[in-house]
Amino acid sequence: MSTPDLGGVVVATALPYREDASAPAGLAVDYDAYAAHCRWLVDNGCRGVGPNGSLGEYSSLTDEERRRVARTAIETVGEDGIVVVGVHGPGSHQAKYWAEVAAEDGADGLLCLPPTMYRANRGEVLAHFEAVASVGLPVMVYNNPIDTKVDLTPALLAEIAQIDNVVAVKEFSGDVRRVLEIREQAPGLDVISGADDVVLESLLMGATGWFAGFPNVFPAESVRLFDLARSGKLDEARALYEPLVAAFRWDSRTEFVQAIKLGMDLVGRYGGPCRPPRGPLTGEHREQVTADMRRALASLGVA
């Protein structure tokens, strides 16, 4: 039996809201707009979508909304791509619950952080992923030491990789040296680039996928960048990447959700507002995102 593959360009989907006074913070999830967005991403060449990640504001959703978002993605993508559902939770029992729900609803794989809101130790991290992986779907563990304060080092990943059904790591430390270190210490684990602003470097070092933010804005161009990098066409990849990377850097900043949603608005897609705790961009940030986006769009020949 071959190892399940969660590579390629899988987009961590942004979530659209519509105004509704009866909904949390006056914003209701617009499921029809979300379905259309998932369809657009797959139709533009992305391998799949990742609902209920940080970019999808999963922690601001009710339980009912969270499940319906994932179901919407699964039903929309169907057989045309893969859906890797975020199952992050404060403890293993919550994360396992969301894994079970995702399996029931037809997900192709799971994306899972270590315990959120708690700085887990080695044994607790292993137990957390063992619980999630026991559900039976392919698991991509998510290393985001910036937000979780838990670093899935290459040595720890070598242990995590021994857990049945753990097949990949979304690497978001920002340290491209990790790609080769992980491949050396956990050779059976696929390394997936998790930060847009080091994606080319990561792919050139052997990453097999990109769990991505800004492809919400530039899906076809992002797939082209991925294909160029994976085929070793460095000059063409660099020419495409360099004008985009200033915008891509927002993927690694605190305001990444707001920045990507503004980017969507600027290319004629609907990004819209965020739910609390995320507020609107400051004027300074809005101006900088707009300037970075204009440079990216000019390089792509878009007015």
Protein backbone atom coordinates (compact mmCIF):
# COMPACT_ATOMS: atom_id res chain seq x y z
CA MET A 1 0.00 0.00 0.00
CA SER A 2 1.45 3.37 -1.04
CA THR A 3 1.79 6.22 1.45
CA PRO A 4 -1.10 8.71 1.13
CA ASP A 5 0.08 11.91 -0.55
CA LEU A 6 -1.04 15.31 0.77
CA GLY A 7 1.42 17.29 -1.37
CA GLY A 8 0.95 19.75 -4.20
CA VAL A 9 -0.61 23.18 -3.80
CA VAL A 10 -3.32 22.89 -1.15
CA VAL A 11 -4.84 26.25 -0.23
CA ALA A 12 -5.57 27.18 3.37
CA THR A 13 -8.86 28.79 2.49
CA ALA A 14 -9.99 32.20 3.67
CA LEU A 15 -13.60 32.32 4.86
CA PRO A 16 -16.13 34.90 3.60
CA TYR A 17 -18.76 36.43 5.87
CA ARG A 18 -21.91 38.43 5.21
CA GLU A 19 -23.50 40.92 7.54
CA ASP A 20 -26.13 39.40 9.84
CA ALA A 21 -27.05 41.01 13.13
CA SER A 22 -28.07 37.65 14.61
CA ALA A 23 -24.69 35.98 13.92
CA PRO A 24 -21.56 36.15 16.10
CA ALA A 25 -20.02 39.64 15.85
CA GLY A 26 -22.72 40.47 13.29
CA LEU A 27 -21.07 38.31 10.64
CA ALA A 28 -22.51 35.06 9.29
CA VAL A 29 -20.49 32.58 7.25
CA ASP A 30 -21.40 32.90 3.56
CA TYR A 31 -21.35 29.22 2.59
CA ASP A 32 -22.34 29.84 -1.02
CA ALA A 33 -19.47 32.30 -1.50
CA TYR A 34 -17.12 29.86 0.24
CA ALA A 35 -18.17 27.03 -2.06
CA ALA A 36 -17.60 29.24 -5.10
CA HIS A 37 -14.16 30.15 -3.80
CA CYS A 38 -13.17 26.50 -3.26
CA ARG A 39 -14.37 25.69 -6.78
CA TRP A 40 -12.39 28.61 -8.24
CA LEU A 41 -9.18 27.45 -6.54
CA VAL A 42 -9.47 23.90 -7.85
CA ASP A 43 -10.50 25.09 -11.32
CA ASN A 44 -7.34 27.23 -11.37
CA GLY A 45 -5.12 24.19 -10.86
CA CYS A 46 -4.72 23.91 -7.10
CA ARG A 47 -4.63 20.32 -5.91
CA GLY A 48 -7.03 20.94 -3.06
CA VAL A 49 -8.20 23.09 -0.18
CA GLY A 50 -7.69 23.19 3.56
CA PRO A 51 -10.73 24.43 5.49
CA ASN A 52 -10.66 25.35 9.18
CA GLY A 53 -7.07 26.47 9.44
CA SER A 54 -5.86 29.66 11.08
CA LEU A 55 -6.49 31.50 7.82
CA GLY A 56 -10.02 30.10 7.88
CA GLU A 57 -10.55 31.62 11.36
CA TYR A 58 -11.56 28.24 12.80
CA SER A 59 -11.20 29.47 16.39
CA SER A 60 -13.84 32.17 15.78
CA LEU A 61 -16.45 29.69 14.55
CA THR A 62 -19.20 27.90 16.41
CA ASP A 63 -19.01 24.11 16.36
CA GLU A 64 -21.91 23.99 13.90
CA GLU A 65 -20.21 26.49 11.58
CA ARG A 66 -16.88 24.70 11.78
CA ARG A 67 -18.36 21.40 10.65
CA ARG A 68 -20.47 22.99 7.92
CA VAL A 69 -17.42 24.83 6.51
CA ALA A 70 -15.55 21.54 6.14
CA ARG A 71 -18.59 19.81 4.64
CA THR A 72 -19.02 22.64 2.15
CA ALA A 73 -15.42 22.24 0.98
CA ILE A 74 -15.73 18.44 0.74
CA GLU A 75 -19.00 18.57 -1.20
CA THR A 76 -17.73 21.31 -3.52
CA VAL A 77 -14.36 19.79 -4.40
CA GLY A 78 -15.69 16.24 -4.74
CA GLU A 79 -13.39 14.03 -6.82
CA ASP A 80 -11.60 16.99 -8.42
CA GLY A 81 -9.13 17.53 -5.61
CA ILE A 82 -8.31 16.78 -2.00
CA VAL A 83 -9.66 18.36 1.17
CA VAL A 84 -7.34 18.48 4.19
CA VAL A 85 -9.40 19.60 7.18
CA GLY A 86 -7.92 21.48 10.11
CA VAL A 87 -8.67 19.63 13.36
CA HIS A 88 -6.75 21.83 15.80
CA GLY A 89 -7.83 21.76 19.42
CA PRO A 90 -6.64 22.63 22.93
CA GLY A 91 -6.41 18.94 23.84
CA SER A 92 -6.24 15.57 22.14
CA HIS A 93 -9.89 14.82 22.91
CA GLN A 94 -11.05 17.91 21.03
CA ALA A 95 -8.67 17.36 18.11
CA LYS A 96 -9.66 13.69 17.88
CA TYR A 97 -13.33 14.67 17.89
CA TRP A 98 -12.80 16.99 14.92
CA ALA A 99 -10.78 14.26 13.19
CA GLU A 100 -13.66 11.81 13.64
CA VAL A 101 -16.13 14.36 12.29
CA ALA A 102 -13.89 15.06 9.28
CA ALA A 103 -13.59 11.33 8.55
CA GLU A 104 -17.35 10.93 8.80
CA ASP A 105 -17.88 13.79 6.36
CA GLY A 106 -15.45 12.45 3.75
CA ALA A 107 -12.21 14.40 4.24
CA ASP A 108 -9.08 13.16 2.46
CA GLY A 109 -6.68 14.16 5.22
CA LEU A 110 -6.17 16.14 8.41
CA LEU A 111 -4.01 19.09 9.39
CA CYS A 112 -3.26 19.25 13.11
CA LEU A 113 -1.31 21.57 15.39
CA PRO A 114 0.10 20.40 18.72
CA PRO A 115 -2.21 21.25 21.64
CA THR A 116 -3.24 24.87 21.28
CA MET A 117 -3.21 27.25 24.27
CA TYR A 118 -0.78 24.98 26.14
CA ARG A 119 2.98 24.50 25.83
CA ALA A 120 3.01 20.72 25.60
CA ASN A 121 6.10 18.62 26.30
CA ARG A 122 7.44 15.81 24.14
CA GLY A 123 5.27 13.07 25.60
CA GLU A 124 2.12 15.19 25.43
CA VAL A 125 2.83 16.11 21.80
CA LEU A 126 3.25 12.45 20.86
CA ALA A 127 0.06 11.47 22.70
CA HIS A 128 -1.84 14.28 20.97
CA PHE A 129 -0.88 13.14 17.48
CA GLU A 130 -1.38 9.47 18.35
CA ALA A 131 -4.98 10.25 19.30
CA VAL A 132 -5.66 12.16 16.08
CA ALA A 133 -3.92 9.59 13.87
CA SER A 134 -5.90 6.74 15.46
CA VAL A 135 -8.96 7.94 13.51
CA GLY A 136 -7.34 6.51 10.39
CA LEU A 137 -7.03 9.43 7.97
CA PRO A 138 -3.64 10.66 6.70
CA VAL A 139 -2.33 13.32 9.08
CA MET A 140 -0.19 16.36 8.29
CA VAL A 141 1.23 17.64 11.56
CA TYR A 142 1.68 21.39 11.70
CA ASN A 143 4.82 22.98 13.11
CA ASN A 144 4.09 26.60 14.02
CA PRO A 145 6.36 27.40 16.98
CA ILE A 146 5.65 31.12 16.60
CA ASP A 147 2.01 30.79 17.62
CA THR A 148 1.96 27.55 19.63
CA LYS A 149 5.32 27.96 21.44
CA VAL A 150 5.83 24.24 20.72
CA ASP A 151 8.61 23.47 18.25
CA LEU A 152 8.35 20.21 16.33
CA THR A 153 12.09 19.91 15.82
CA PRO A 154 13.51 17.47 13.28
CA ALA A 155 14.41 15.11 16.15
CA LEU A 156 10.86 15.23 17.53
CA LEU A 157 9.41 14.81 14.04
CA ALA A 158 11.48 11.66 13.65
CA GLU A 159 9.49 10.25 16.58
CA ILE A 160 6.16 11.62 15.39
CA ALA A 161 6.79 10.05 11.97
CA GLN A 162 6.69 6.61 13.58
CA ILE A 163 2.99 7.06 14.37
CA ASP A 164 0.77 5.21 11.91
CA ASN A 165 -1.05 7.55 9.49
CA VAL A 166 1.25 10.55 10.07
CA VAL A 167 2.47 11.25 6.54
CA ALA A 168 3.61 14.88 6.37
CA VAL A 169 4.58 18.02 8.24
CA LYS A 170 3.52 21.55 7.40
CA GLU A 171 6.73 23.38 8.26
CA PHE A 172 6.18 26.98 9.37
CA SER A 173 9.26 27.76 11.44
CA GLY A 174 10.60 30.00 8.65
CA ASP A 175 13.96 28.22 8.80
CA VAL A 176 14.56 26.65 5.40
CA ARG A 177 17.43 24.62 6.88
CA ARG A 178 14.74 22.50 8.50
CA VAL A 179 13.69 20.97 5.17
CA LEU A 180 16.88 18.99 4.75
CA GLU A 181 17.17 18.25 8.48
CA ILE A 182 13.68 16.75 8.50
CA ARG A 183 14.36 14.73 5.36
CA GLU A 184 17.52 13.38 7.00
CA GLN A 185 15.97 12.50 10.37
CA ALA A 186 12.46 11.52 9.22
CA PRO A 187 12.97 10.34 5.64
CA GLY A 188 9.48 8.88 5.35
CA LEU A 189 7.80 12.19 6.20
CA ASP A 190 6.79 14.56 3.40
CA VAL A 191 7.84 18.16 4.07
CA ILE A 192 5.20 20.71 3.08
CA SER A 193 6.12 24.38 2.88
CA GLY A 194 3.86 26.29 5.25
CA ALA A 195 5.15 29.85 4.84
CA ASP A 196 4.59 31.59 1.51
CA ASP A 197 7.69 33.77 1.77
CA VAL A 198 10.09 30.81 1.85
CA VAL A 199 8.18 28.54 -0.52
CA LEU A 200 10.67 28.64 -3.40
CA GLU A 201 13.61 27.99 -1.09
CA SER A 202 11.74 25.11 0.58
CA LEU A 203 10.73 23.51 -2.71
CA LEU A 204 14.29 23.69 -4.02
CA MET A 205 15.44 21.86 -0.87
CA GLY A 206 12.96 19.03 -1.44
CA ALA A 207 9.58 20.06 -0.03
CA THR A 208 6.85 18.20 -1.90
CA GLY A 209 3.94 20.51 -1.22
CA TRP A 210 2.80 24.01 -0.35
CA PHE A 211 0.00 24.49 2.18
CA ALA A 212 -0.57 27.98 1.09
CA GLY A 213 -2.08 31.36 1.92
CA PHE A 214 -1.65 33.73 -1.00
CA PRO A 215 -2.91 31.25 -3.59
CA ASN A 216 -6.29 32.49 -2.30
CA VAL A 217 -5.32 35.54 -4.37
CA PHE A 218 -3.11 34.09 -7.14
CA PRO A 219 -4.04 30.41 -7.58
CA ALA A 220 -2.97 29.81 -11.19
CA GLU A 221 0.26 31.77 -10.79
CA SER A 222 1.06 29.95 -7.55
CA VAL A 223 0.58 26.56 -9.22
CA ARG A 224 2.90 27.69 -12.00
CA LEU A 225 5.52 28.74 -9.44
CA PHE A 226 5.21 25.37 -7.71
CA ASP A 227 5.56 23.46 -10.98
CA LEU A 228 8.59 25.50 -12.09
CA ALA A 229 10.33 24.96 -8.76
CA ARG A 230 9.60 21.24 -8.66
CA SER A 231 10.87 20.80 -12.21
CA GLY A 232 14.13 22.66 -11.44
CA LYS A 233 13.48 25.66 -13.69
CA LEU A 234 15.10 28.06 -11.25
CA ASP A 235 15.48 31.13 -13.48
CA GLU A 236 11.82 31.10 -14.47
CA ALA A 237 10.73 30.37 -10.91
CA ARG A 238 12.78 33.26 -9.51
CA ALA A 239 11.47 35.67 -12.12
CA LEU A 240 7.93 34.84 -11.06
CA TYR A 241 8.63 34.66 -7.31
CA GLU A 242 10.67 37.79 -6.62
CA PRO A 243 7.95 40.37 -7.43
CA LEU A 244 5.43 38.35 -5.41
CA VAL A 245 7.47 37.77 -2.28
CA ALA A 246 6.80 41.17 -0.68
CA ALA A 247 3.10 40.29 -0.67
CA PHE A 248 3.88 36.71 0.39
CA ARG A 249 5.70 38.00 3.49
CA TRP A 250 2.34 39.03 4.93
CA ASP A 251 1.57 35.32 5.26
CA SER A 252 4.11 35.22 8.12
CA ARG A 253 2.82 38.28 9.97
CA THR A 254 0.21 38.68 12.68
CA GLU A 255 -2.20 40.34 10.24
CA PHE A 256 -1.94 37.57 7.64
CA VAL A 257 -5.69 36.84 7.50
CA GLN A 258 -6.63 40.49 6.98
CA ALA A 259 -3.81 40.96 4.44
CA ILE A 260 -4.80 37.97 2.33
CA LYS A 261 -8.46 38.98 2.43
CA LEU A 262 -7.50 42.48 1.28
CA GLY A 263 -5.43 40.90 -1.49
CA MET A 264 -8.52 38.99 -2.60
CA ASP A 265 -10.52 42.23 -2.66
CA LEU A 266 -7.82 43.92 -4.76
CA VAL A 267 -7.97 41.25 -7.48
CA GLY A 268 -11.75 41.32 -7.66
CA ARG A 269 -12.48 38.34 -5.41
CA TYR A 270 -14.38 38.78 -2.14
CA GLY A 271 -12.20 38.75 0.97
CA GLY A 272 -14.17 40.94 3.30
CA PRO A 273 -13.94 41.37 7.07
CA CYS A 274 -12.74 39.08 9.86
CA ARG A 275 -14.40 38.09 13.09
CA PRO A 276 -12.85 39.10 16.41
CA PRO A 277 -10.28 38.93 17.78
CA ARG A 278 -9.07 40.06 14.34
CA GLY A 279 -9.96 43.64 13.54
CA PRO A 280 -9.39 45.69 10.40
CA LEU A 281 -5.91 46.56 9.20
CA THR A 282 -4.45 49.84 10.38
CA GLY A 283 -4.18 52.54 7.73
CA GLU A 284 -0.42 52.02 7.55
CA HIS A 285 -0.74 48.27 7.09
CA ARG A 286 -3.49 48.66 4.53
CA GLU A 287 -1.32 51.02 2.48
CA GLN A 288 1.64 48.63 2.64
CA VAL A 289 -0.39 45.56 1.67
CA THR A 290 -1.88 47.53 -1.22
CA ALA A 291 1.57 48.66 -2.40
CA ASP A 292 2.97 45.13 -2.16
CA MET A 293 -0.03 43.77 -4.02
CA ARG A 294 0.27 46.39 -6.77
CA ARG A 295 3.87 45.36 -7.36
CA ALA A 296 2.80 41.73 -7.57
CA LEU A 297 -0.06 42.50 -9.94
CA ALA A 298 2.16 44.64 -12.18
CA SER A 299 4.61 41.76 -12.51
CA LEU A 300 1.73 39.51 -13.59
CA GLY A 301 0.48 42.03 -16.12
CA VAL A 302 -2.67 42.81 -14.16
CA ALA A 303 -3.71 46.46 -13.91
